[in-house]
Amino acid sequence: MEGRTDGFAALCYDNEPFAHFHNDHEIDIRLTKAIIARERLVHPSDSTVHPGRTSKSHWIEVRFTTPRHVERIVELVKLAIDQL
């Protein structure tokens, strides 16, 4: 993101940030609460970046360690873009 020098990496569409990476294996994606529920996404209970995030948040942390996880991230990113 503009002005940051700490290695922060965000995904933006039409200048609107909708996801950002916490590290090499975790992404935070902004979705609707309905999509989060429909996709059965759950905030990691051991989150170190957003430990106090509530179930009412439009942001969800998703971890990925396998090629299948990455495919799932791509699906979720597409959903995030569709709602912008």
PDB file of N, CA and C in Angstrom:
ATOM      1  N   MET A   1       0.838  -1.171   0.000  1.00  0.00           N
ATOM      2  CA  MET A   1       0.000   0.000   0.000  1.00  0.00           C
ATOM      3  C   MET A   1       0.884   1.236   0.000  1.00  0.00           C
ATOM      4  N   GLU A   2       0.367   2.272  -0.571  1.00  0.00           N
ATOM      5  CA  GLU A   2       1.120   3.510  -0.699  1.00  0.00           C
ATOM      6  C   GLU A   2       1.545   4.025   0.669  1.00  0.00           C
ATOM      7  N   GLY A   3       2.799   4.410   0.764  1.00  0.00           N
ATOM      8  CA  GLY A   3       3.315   4.991   1.990  1.00  0.00           C
ATOM      9  C   GLY A   3       3.875   3.985   2.980  1.00  0.00           C
ATOM     10  N   ARG A   4       3.675   2.705   2.740  1.00  0.00           N
ATOM     11  CA  ARG A   4       4.187   1.690   3.667  1.00  0.00           C
ATOM     12  C   ARG A   4       5.541   1.204   3.183  1.00  0.00           C
ATOM     13  N   THR A   5       6.436   0.981   4.127  1.00  0.00           N
ATOM     14  CA  THR A   5       7.773   0.500   3.795  1.00  0.00           C
ATOM     15  C   THR A   5       8.124  -0.768   4.566  1.00  0.00           C
ATOM     16  N   ASP A   6       7.118  -1.433   5.139  1.00  0.00           N
ATOM     17  CA  ASP A   6       7.368  -2.601   5.986  1.00  0.00           C
ATOM     18  C   ASP A   6       7.134  -3.926   5.275  1.00  0.00           C
ATOM     19  N   GLY A   7       7.036  -3.911   3.952  1.00  0.00           N
ATOM     20  CA  GLY A   7       6.818  -5.142   3.212  1.00  0.00           C
ATOM     21  C   GLY A   7       5.363  -5.548   3.092  1.00  0.00           C
ATOM     22  N   PHE A   8       4.451  -4.736   3.598  1.00  0.00           N
ATOM     23  CA  PHE A   8       3.018  -5.014   3.541  1.00  0.00           C
ATOM     24  C   PHE A   8       2.583  -5.160   2.080  1.00  0.00           C
ATOM     25  N   ALA A   9       1.811  -6.206   1.796  1.00  0.00           N
ATOM     26  CA  ALA A   9       1.336  -6.438   0.434  1.00  0.00           C
ATOM     27  C   ALA A   9      -0.182  -6.572   0.448  1.00  0.00           C
ATOM     28  N   ALA A  10      -0.838  -5.727  -0.333  1.00  0.00           N
ATOM     29  CA  ALA A  10      -2.296  -5.748  -0.409  1.00  0.00           C
ATOM     30  C   ALA A  10      -2.737  -5.999  -1.841  1.00  0.00           C
ATOM     31  N   LEU A  11      -3.922  -6.558  -1.972  1.00  0.00           N
ATOM     32  CA  LEU A  11      -4.560  -6.718  -3.276  1.00  0.00           C
ATOM     33  C   LEU A  11      -5.630  -5.649  -3.390  1.00  0.00           C
ATOM     34  N   CYS A  12      -5.610  -4.921  -4.505  1.00  0.00           N
ATOM     35  CA  CYS A  12      -6.570  -3.838  -4.726  1.00  0.00           C
ATOM     36  C   CYS A  12      -7.223  -4.017  -6.082  1.00  0.00           C
ATOM     37  N   TYR A  13      -8.445  -3.562  -6.168  1.00  0.00           N
ATOM     38  CA  TYR A  13      -9.162  -3.550  -7.439  1.00  0.00           C
ATOM     39  C   TYR A  13      -9.795  -2.176  -7.560  1.00  0.00           C
ATOM     40  N   ASP A  14      -9.471  -1.468  -8.631  1.00  0.00           N
ATOM     41  CA  ASP A  14      -9.971  -0.115  -8.836  1.00  0.00           C
ATOM     42  C   ASP A  14      -9.650   0.766  -7.619  1.00  0.00           C
ATOM     43  N   ASN A  15      -8.404   0.639  -7.137  1.00  0.00           N
ATOM     44  CA  ASN A  15      -7.883   1.376  -5.982  1.00  0.00           C
ATOM     45  C   ASN A  15      -8.573   1.033  -4.666  1.00  0.00           C
ATOM     46  N   GLU A  16      -9.298  -0.052  -4.610  1.00  0.00           N
ATOM     47  CA  GLU A  16      -9.995  -0.477  -3.393  1.00  0.00           C
ATOM     48  C   GLU A  16      -9.310  -1.725  -2.835  1.00  0.00           C
ATOM     49  N   PRO A  17      -8.666  -1.625  -1.657  1.00  0.00           N
ATOM     50  CA  PRO A  17      -8.040  -2.813  -1.084  1.00  0.00           C
ATOM     51  C   PRO A  17      -9.103  -3.805  -0.603  1.00  0.00           C
ATOM     52  N   PHE A  18      -8.912  -5.073  -0.946  1.00  0.00           N
ATOM     53  CA  PHE A  18      -9.873  -6.089  -0.523  1.00  0.00           C
ATOM     54  C   PHE A  18      -9.189  -7.301   0.106  1.00  0.00           C
ATOM     55  N   ALA A  19      -7.882  -7.306   0.141  1.00  0.00           N
ATOM     56  CA  ALA A  19      -7.148  -8.397   0.786  1.00  0.00           C
ATOM     57  C   ALA A  19      -5.721  -7.946   1.054  1.00  0.00           C
ATOM     58  N   HIS A  20      -5.110  -8.566   2.048  1.00  0.00           N
ATOM     59  CA  HIS A  20      -3.700  -8.313   2.316  1.00  0.00           C
ATOM     60  C   HIS A  20      -3.085  -9.550   2.961  1.00  0.00           C
ATOM     61  N   PHE A  21      -1.803  -9.691   2.753  1.00  0.00           N
ATOM     62  CA  PHE A  21      -1.080 -10.823   3.302  1.00  0.00           C
ATOM     63  C   PHE A  21      -0.522 -10.471   4.676  1.00  0.00           C
ATOM     64  N   HIS A  22      -0.609 -11.427   5.591  1.00  0.00           N
ATOM     65  CA  HIS A  22       0.027 -11.271   6.896  1.00  0.00           C
ATOM     66  C   HIS A  22       1.434 -11.849   6.865  1.00  0.00           C
ATOM     67  N   ASN A  23       1.590 -12.902   6.082  1.00  0.00           N
ATOM     68  CA  ASN A  23       2.886 -13.571   5.943  1.00  0.00           C
ATOM     69  C   ASN A  23       2.815 -14.438   4.680  1.00  0.00           C
ATOM     70  N   ASP A  24       3.741 -15.337   4.521  1.00  0.00           N
ATOM     71  CA  ASP A  24       3.792 -16.167   3.317  1.00  0.00           C
ATOM     72  C   ASP A  24       2.693 -17.223   3.246  1.00  0.00           C
ATOM     73  N   HIS A  25       1.954 -17.427   4.331  1.00  0.00           N
ATOM     74  CA  HIS A  25       0.952 -18.497   4.363  1.00  0.00           C
ATOM     75  C   HIS A  25      -0.389 -18.052   4.933  1.00  0.00           C
ATOM     76  N   GLU A  26      -0.649 -16.747   4.928  1.00  0.00           N
ATOM     77  CA  GLU A  26      -1.911 -16.260   5.485  1.00  0.00           C
ATOM     78  C   GLU A  26      -2.333 -14.981   4.768  1.00  0.00           C
ATOM     79  N   ILE A  27      -3.594 -14.954   4.388  1.00  0.00           N
ATOM     80  CA  ILE A  27      -4.158 -13.782   3.725  1.00  0.00           C
ATOM     81  C   ILE A  27      -5.419 -13.373   4.475  1.00  0.00           C
ATOM     82  N   ASP A  28      -5.669 -12.102   4.527  1.00  0.00           N
ATOM     83  CA  ASP A  28      -6.868 -11.537   5.134  1.00  0.00           C
ATOM     84  C   ASP A  28      -7.716 -11.014   3.974  1.00  0.00           C
ATOM     85  N   ILE A  29      -8.941 -11.502   3.838  1.00  0.00           N
ATOM     86  CA  ILE A  29      -9.796 -11.156   2.702  1.00  0.00           C
ATOM     87  C   ILE A  29     -11.082 -10.512   3.208  1.00  0.00           C
ATOM     88  N   ARG A  30     -11.486  -9.423   2.567  1.00  0.00           N
ATOM     89  CA  ARG A  30     -12.750  -8.769   2.918  1.00  0.00           C
ATOM     90  C   ARG A  30     -13.867  -9.367   2.060  1.00  0.00           C
ATOM     91  N   LEU A  31     -14.811  -9.991   2.743  1.00  0.00           N
ATOM     92  CA  LEU A  31     -15.983 -10.583   2.104  1.00  0.00           C
ATOM     93  C   LEU A  31     -17.226 -10.109   2.848  1.00  0.00           C
ATOM     94  N   THR A  32     -18.377 -10.444   2.368  1.00  0.00           N
ATOM     95  CA  THR A  32     -19.583 -10.142   3.127  1.00  0.00           C
ATOM     96  C   THR A  32     -19.759 -11.197   4.212  1.00  0.00           C
ATOM     97  N   LYS A  33     -20.500 -10.843   5.254  1.00  0.00           N
ATOM     98  CA  LYS A  33     -20.777 -11.820   6.306  1.00  0.00           C
ATOM     99  C   LYS A  33     -21.544 -13.012   5.738  1.00  0.00           C
ATOM    100  N   ALA A  34     -22.403 -12.761   4.750  1.00  0.00           N
ATOM    101  CA  ALA A  34     -23.165 -13.844   4.125  1.00  0.00           C
ATOM    102  C   ALA A  34     -22.240 -14.815   3.394  1.00  0.00           C
ATOM    103  N   ILE A  35     -21.247 -14.293   2.682  1.00  0.00           N
ATOM    104  CA  ILE A  35     -20.297 -15.166   1.982  1.00  0.00           C
ATOM    105  C   ILE A  35     -19.462 -15.947   2.983  1.00  0.00           C
ATOM    106  N   ILE A  36     -19.009 -15.288   4.038  1.00  0.00           N
ATOM    107  CA  ILE A  36     -18.221 -15.968   5.063  1.00  0.00           C
ATOM    108  C   ILE A  36     -19.020 -17.132   5.643  1.00  0.00           C
ATOM    109  N   ALA A  37     -20.295 -16.912   5.936  1.00  0.00           N
ATOM    110  CA  ALA A  37     -21.144 -17.978   6.479  1.00  0.00           C
ATOM    111  C   ALA A  37     -21.386 -19.072   5.439  1.00  0.00           C
ATOM    112  N   ARG A  38     -21.727 -18.671   4.219  1.00  0.00           N
ATOM    113  CA  ARG A  38     -22.012 -19.641   3.162  1.00  0.00           C
ATOM    114  C   ARG A  38     -20.813 -20.537   2.869  1.00  0.00           C
ATOM    115  N   GLU A  39     -19.634 -19.945   2.879  1.00  0.00           N
ATOM    116  CA  GLU A  39     -18.412 -20.690   2.583  1.00  0.00           C
ATOM    117  C   GLU A  39     -17.851 -21.395   3.817  1.00  0.00           C
ATOM    118  N   ARG A  40     -18.538 -21.235   4.941  1.00  0.00           N
ATOM    119  CA  ARG A  40     -18.153 -21.874   6.217  1.00  0.00           C
ATOM    120  C   ARG A  40     -16.734 -21.521   6.635  1.00  0.00           C
ATOM    121  N   LEU A  41     -16.403 -20.250   6.478  1.00  0.00           N
ATOM    122  CA  LEU A  41     -15.084 -19.767   6.870  1.00  0.00           C
ATOM    123  C   LEU A  41     -15.114 -19.387   8.346  1.00  0.00           C
ATOM    124  N   VAL A  42     -14.058 -19.725   9.045  1.00  0.00           N
ATOM    125  CA  VAL A  42     -13.977 -19.451  10.480  1.00  0.00           C
ATOM    126  C   VAL A  42     -12.654 -18.769  10.776  1.00  0.00           C
ATOM    127  N   HIS A  43     -12.727 -17.706  11.554  1.00  0.00           N
ATOM    128  CA  HIS A  43     -11.517 -16.984  11.960  1.00  0.00           C
ATOM    129  C   HIS A  43     -10.649 -17.917  12.806  1.00  0.00           C
ATOM    130  N   PRO A  44      -9.355 -18.011  12.507  1.00  0.00           N
ATOM    131  CA  PRO A  44      -8.489 -18.913  13.283  1.00  0.00           C
ATOM    132  C   PRO A  44      -8.461 -18.524  14.765  1.00  0.00           C
ATOM    133  N   SER A  45      -8.693 -19.484  15.611  1.00  0.00           N
ATOM    134  CA  SER A  45      -8.717 -19.205  17.054  1.00  0.00           C
ATOM    135  C   SER A  45      -7.335 -18.822  17.576  1.00  0.00           C
ATOM    136  N   ASP A  46      -6.288 -19.206  16.865  1.00  0.00           N
ATOM    137  CA  ASP A  46      -4.926 -18.886  17.292  1.00  0.00           C
ATOM    138  C   ASP A  46      -4.325 -17.709  16.508  1.00  0.00           C
ATOM    139  N   SER A  47      -5.179 -16.856  15.981  1.00  0.00           N
ATOM    140  CA  SER A  47      -4.712 -15.704  15.215  1.00  0.00           C
ATOM    141  C   SER A  47      -3.802 -14.834  16.071  1.00  0.00           C
ATOM    142  N   THR A  48      -2.674 -14.463  15.495  1.00  0.00           N
ATOM    143  CA  THR A  48      -1.766 -13.555  16.193  1.00  0.00           C
ATOM    144  C   THR A  48      -1.869 -12.133  15.652  1.00  0.00           C
ATOM    145  N   VAL A  49      -2.421 -11.974  14.461  1.00  0.00           N
ATOM    146  CA  VAL A  49      -2.519 -10.656  13.833  1.00  0.00           C
ATOM    147  C   VAL A  49      -3.800  -9.942  14.248  1.00  0.00           C
ATOM    148  N   HIS A  50      -4.904 -10.680  14.277  1.00  0.00           N
ATOM    149  CA  HIS A  50      -6.201 -10.111  14.667  1.00  0.00           C
ATOM    150  C   HIS A  50      -6.880 -11.009  15.701  1.00  0.00           C
ATOM    151  N   PRO A  51      -6.284 -11.159  16.890  1.00  0.00           N
ATOM    152  CA  PRO A  51      -6.833 -12.110  17.868  1.00  0.00           C
ATOM    153  C   PRO A  51      -8.219 -11.735  18.388  1.00  0.00           C
ATOM    154  N   GLY A  52      -8.579 -10.470  18.351  1.00  0.00           N
ATOM    155  CA  GLY A  52      -9.862 -10.041  18.894  1.00  0.00           C
ATOM    156  C   GLY A  52     -10.958  -9.846  17.861  1.00  0.00           C
ATOM    157  N   ARG A  53     -10.730 -10.292  16.654  1.00  0.00           N
ATOM    158  CA  ARG A  53     -11.714 -10.083  15.584  1.00  0.00           C
ATOM    159  C   ARG A  53     -13.009 -10.819  15.919  1.00  0.00           C
ATOM    160  N   THR A  54     -14.120 -10.138  15.720  1.00  0.00           N
ATOM    161  CA  THR A  54     -15.415 -10.740  16.035  1.00  0.00           C
ATOM    162  C   THR A  54     -16.023 -11.419  14.813  1.00  0.00           C
ATOM    163  N   SER A  55     -17.048 -12.202  15.056  1.00  0.00           N
ATOM    164  CA  SER A  55     -17.743 -12.883  13.966  1.00  0.00           C
ATOM    165  C   SER A  55     -18.535 -11.903  13.105  1.00  0.00           C
ATOM    166  N   LYS A  56     -18.654 -10.662  13.538  1.00  0.00           N
ATOM    167  CA  LYS A  56     -19.367  -9.642  12.760  1.00  0.00           C
ATOM    168  C   LYS A  56     -18.479  -8.961  11.725  1.00  0.00           C
ATOM    169  N   SER A  57     -17.196  -9.267  11.743  1.00  0.00           N
ATOM    170  CA  SER A  57     -16.259  -8.634  10.824  1.00  0.00           C
ATOM    171  C   SER A  57     -16.480  -9.110   9.392  1.00  0.00           C
ATOM    172  N   HIS A  58     -16.217  -8.223   8.453  1.00  0.00           N
ATOM    173  CA  HIS A  58     -16.263  -8.571   7.029  1.00  0.00           C
ATOM    174  C   HIS A  58     -14.929  -9.124   6.556  1.00  0.00           C
ATOM    175  N   TRP A  59     -13.937  -9.142   7.425  1.00  0.00           N
ATOM    176  CA  TRP A  59     -12.613  -9.651   7.095  1.00  0.00           C
ATOM    177  C   TRP A  59     -12.441 -11.041   7.688  1.00  0.00           C
ATOM    178  N   ILE A  60     -11.774 -11.910   6.932  1.00  0.00           N
ATOM    179  CA  ILE A  60     -11.527 -13.268   7.396  1.00  0.00           C
ATOM    180  C   ILE A  60     -10.090 -13.661   7.059  1.00  0.00           C
ATOM    181  N   GLU A  61      -9.386 -14.207   8.036  1.00  0.00           N
ATOM    182  CA  GLU A  61      -8.032 -14.711   7.809  1.00  0.00           C
ATOM    183  C   GLU A  61      -8.134 -16.122   7.250  1.00  0.00           C
ATOM    184  N   VAL A  62      -7.373 -16.384   6.212  1.00  0.00           N
ATOM    185  CA  VAL A  62      -7.357 -17.713   5.607  1.00  0.00           C
ATOM    186  C   VAL A  62      -5.903 -18.134   5.448  1.00  0.00           C
ATOM    187  N   ARG A  63      -5.597 -19.311   5.953  1.00  0.00           N
ATOM    188  CA  ARG A  63      -4.234 -19.841   5.855  1.00  0.00           C
ATOM    189  C   ARG A  63      -4.130 -20.797   4.678  1.00  0.00           C
ATOM    190  N   PHE A  64      -2.939 -20.856   4.096  1.00  0.00           N
ATOM    191  CA  PHE A  64      -2.737 -21.751   2.960  1.00  0.00           C
ATOM    192  C   PHE A  64      -1.341 -22.349   3.011  1.00  0.00           C
ATOM    193  N   THR A  65      -1.286 -23.667   2.805  1.00  0.00           N
ATOM    194  CA  THR A  65      -0.006 -24.372   2.833  1.00  0.00           C
ATOM    195  C   THR A  65       0.119 -25.405   1.711  1.00  0.00           C
ATOM    196  N   THR A  66      -0.959 -25.633   0.985  1.00  0.00           N
ATOM    197  CA  THR A  66      -0.936 -26.632  -0.089  1.00  0.00           C
ATOM    198  C   THR A  66      -1.460 -26.001  -1.382  1.00  0.00           C
ATOM    199  N   PRO A  67      -1.183 -26.628  -2.519  1.00  0.00           N
ATOM    200  CA  PRO A  67      -1.743 -26.121  -3.781  1.00  0.00           C
ATOM    201  C   PRO A  67      -3.274 -26.040  -3.747  1.00  0.00           C
ATOM    202  N   ARG A  68      -3.934 -26.974  -3.108  1.00  0.00           N
ATOM    203  CA  ARG A  68      -5.404 -26.930  -3.007  1.00  0.00           C
ATOM    204  C   ARG A  68      -5.853 -25.712  -2.199  1.00  0.00           C
ATOM    205  N   HIS A  69      -5.129 -25.397  -1.136  1.00  0.00           N
ATOM    206  CA  HIS A  69      -5.446 -24.195  -0.356  1.00  0.00           C
ATOM    207  C   HIS A  69      -5.325 -22.948  -1.228  1.00  0.00           C
ATOM    208  N   VAL A  70      -4.289 -22.900  -2.057  1.00  0.00           N
ATOM    209  CA  VAL A  70      -4.086 -21.742  -2.931  1.00  0.00           C
ATOM    210  C   VAL A  70      -5.237 -21.632  -3.932  1.00  0.00           C
ATOM    211  N   GLU A  71      -5.693 -22.747  -4.457  1.00  0.00           N
ATOM    212  CA  GLU A  71      -6.859 -22.734  -5.356  1.00  0.00           C
ATOM    213  C   GLU A  71      -8.071 -22.155  -4.641  1.00  0.00           C
ATOM    214  N   ARG A  72      -8.231 -22.501  -3.379  1.00  0.00           N
ATOM    215  CA  ARG A  72      -9.352 -21.974  -2.582  1.00  0.00           C
ATOM    216  C   ARG A  72      -9.205 -20.466  -2.384  1.00  0.00           C
ATOM    217  N   ILE A  73      -7.989 -20.009  -2.150  1.00  0.00           N
ATOM    218  CA  ILE A  73      -7.742 -18.578  -1.993  1.00  0.00           C
ATOM    219  C   ILE A  73      -8.147 -17.842  -3.272  1.00  0.00           C
ATOM    220  N   VAL A  74      -7.799 -18.393  -4.413  1.00  0.00           N
ATOM    221  CA  VAL A  74      -8.159 -17.786  -5.702  1.00  0.00           C
ATOM    222  C   VAL A  74      -9.688 -17.668  -5.805  1.00  0.00           C
ATOM    223  N   GLU A  75     -10.408 -18.703  -5.421  1.00  0.00           N
ATOM    224  CA  GLU A  75     -11.869 -18.656  -5.435  1.00  0.00           C
ATOM    225  C   GLU A  75     -12.393 -17.541  -4.539  1.00  0.00           C
ATOM    226  N   LEU A  76     -11.831 -17.427  -3.350  1.00  0.00           N
ATOM    227  CA  LEU A  76     -12.275 -16.400  -2.408  1.00  0.00           C
ATOM    228  C   LEU A  76     -11.924 -14.990  -2.890  1.00  0.00           C
ATOM    229  N   VAL A  77     -10.772 -14.840  -3.517  1.00  0.00           N
ATOM    230  CA  VAL A  77     -10.389 -13.540  -4.069  1.00  0.00           C
ATOM    231  C   VAL A  77     -11.373 -13.138  -5.164  1.00  0.00           C
ATOM    232  N   LYS A  78     -11.764 -14.074  -5.999  1.00  0.00           N
ATOM    233  CA  LYS A  78     -12.757 -13.783  -7.030  1.00  0.00           C
ATOM    234  C   LYS A  78     -14.079 -13.353  -6.413  1.00  0.00           C
ATOM    235  N   LEU A  79     -14.500 -14.009  -5.332  1.00  0.00           N
ATOM    236  CA  LEU A  79     -15.727 -13.597  -4.636  1.00  0.00           C
ATOM    237  C   LEU A  79     -15.588 -12.190  -4.075  1.00  0.00           C
ATOM    238  N   ALA A  80     -14.424 -11.893  -3.537  1.00  0.00           N
ATOM    239  CA  ALA A  80     -14.178 -10.556  -2.976  1.00  0.00           C
ATOM    240  C   ALA A  80     -14.261  -9.491  -4.065  1.00  0.00           C
ATOM    241  N   ILE A  81     -13.689  -9.765  -5.216  1.00  0.00           N
ATOM    242  CA  ILE A  81     -13.736  -8.804  -6.325  1.00  0.00           C
ATOM    243  C   ILE A  81     -15.170  -8.632  -6.822  1.00  0.00           C
ATOM    244  N   ASP A  82     -15.907  -9.715  -6.882  1.00  0.00           N
ATOM    245  CA  ASP A  82     -17.299  -9.638  -7.353  1.00  0.00           C
ATOM    246  C   ASP A  82     -18.165  -8.736  -6.493  1.00  0.00           C
ATOM    247  N   GLN A  83     -17.835  -8.591  -5.220  1.00  0.00           N
ATOM    248  CA  GLN A  83     -18.670  -7.775  -4.337  1.00  0.00           C
ATOM    249  C   GLN A  83     -18.257  -6.300  -4.310  1.00  0.00           C
ATOM    250  N   LEU A  84     -17.156  -5.972  -4.966  1.00  0.00           N
ATOM    251  CA  LEU A  84     -16.716  -4.559  -4.986  1.00  0.00           C
ATOM    252  C   LEU A  84     -17.589  -3.716  -5.876  1.00  0.00           C
TER     253      LEU A  84
END
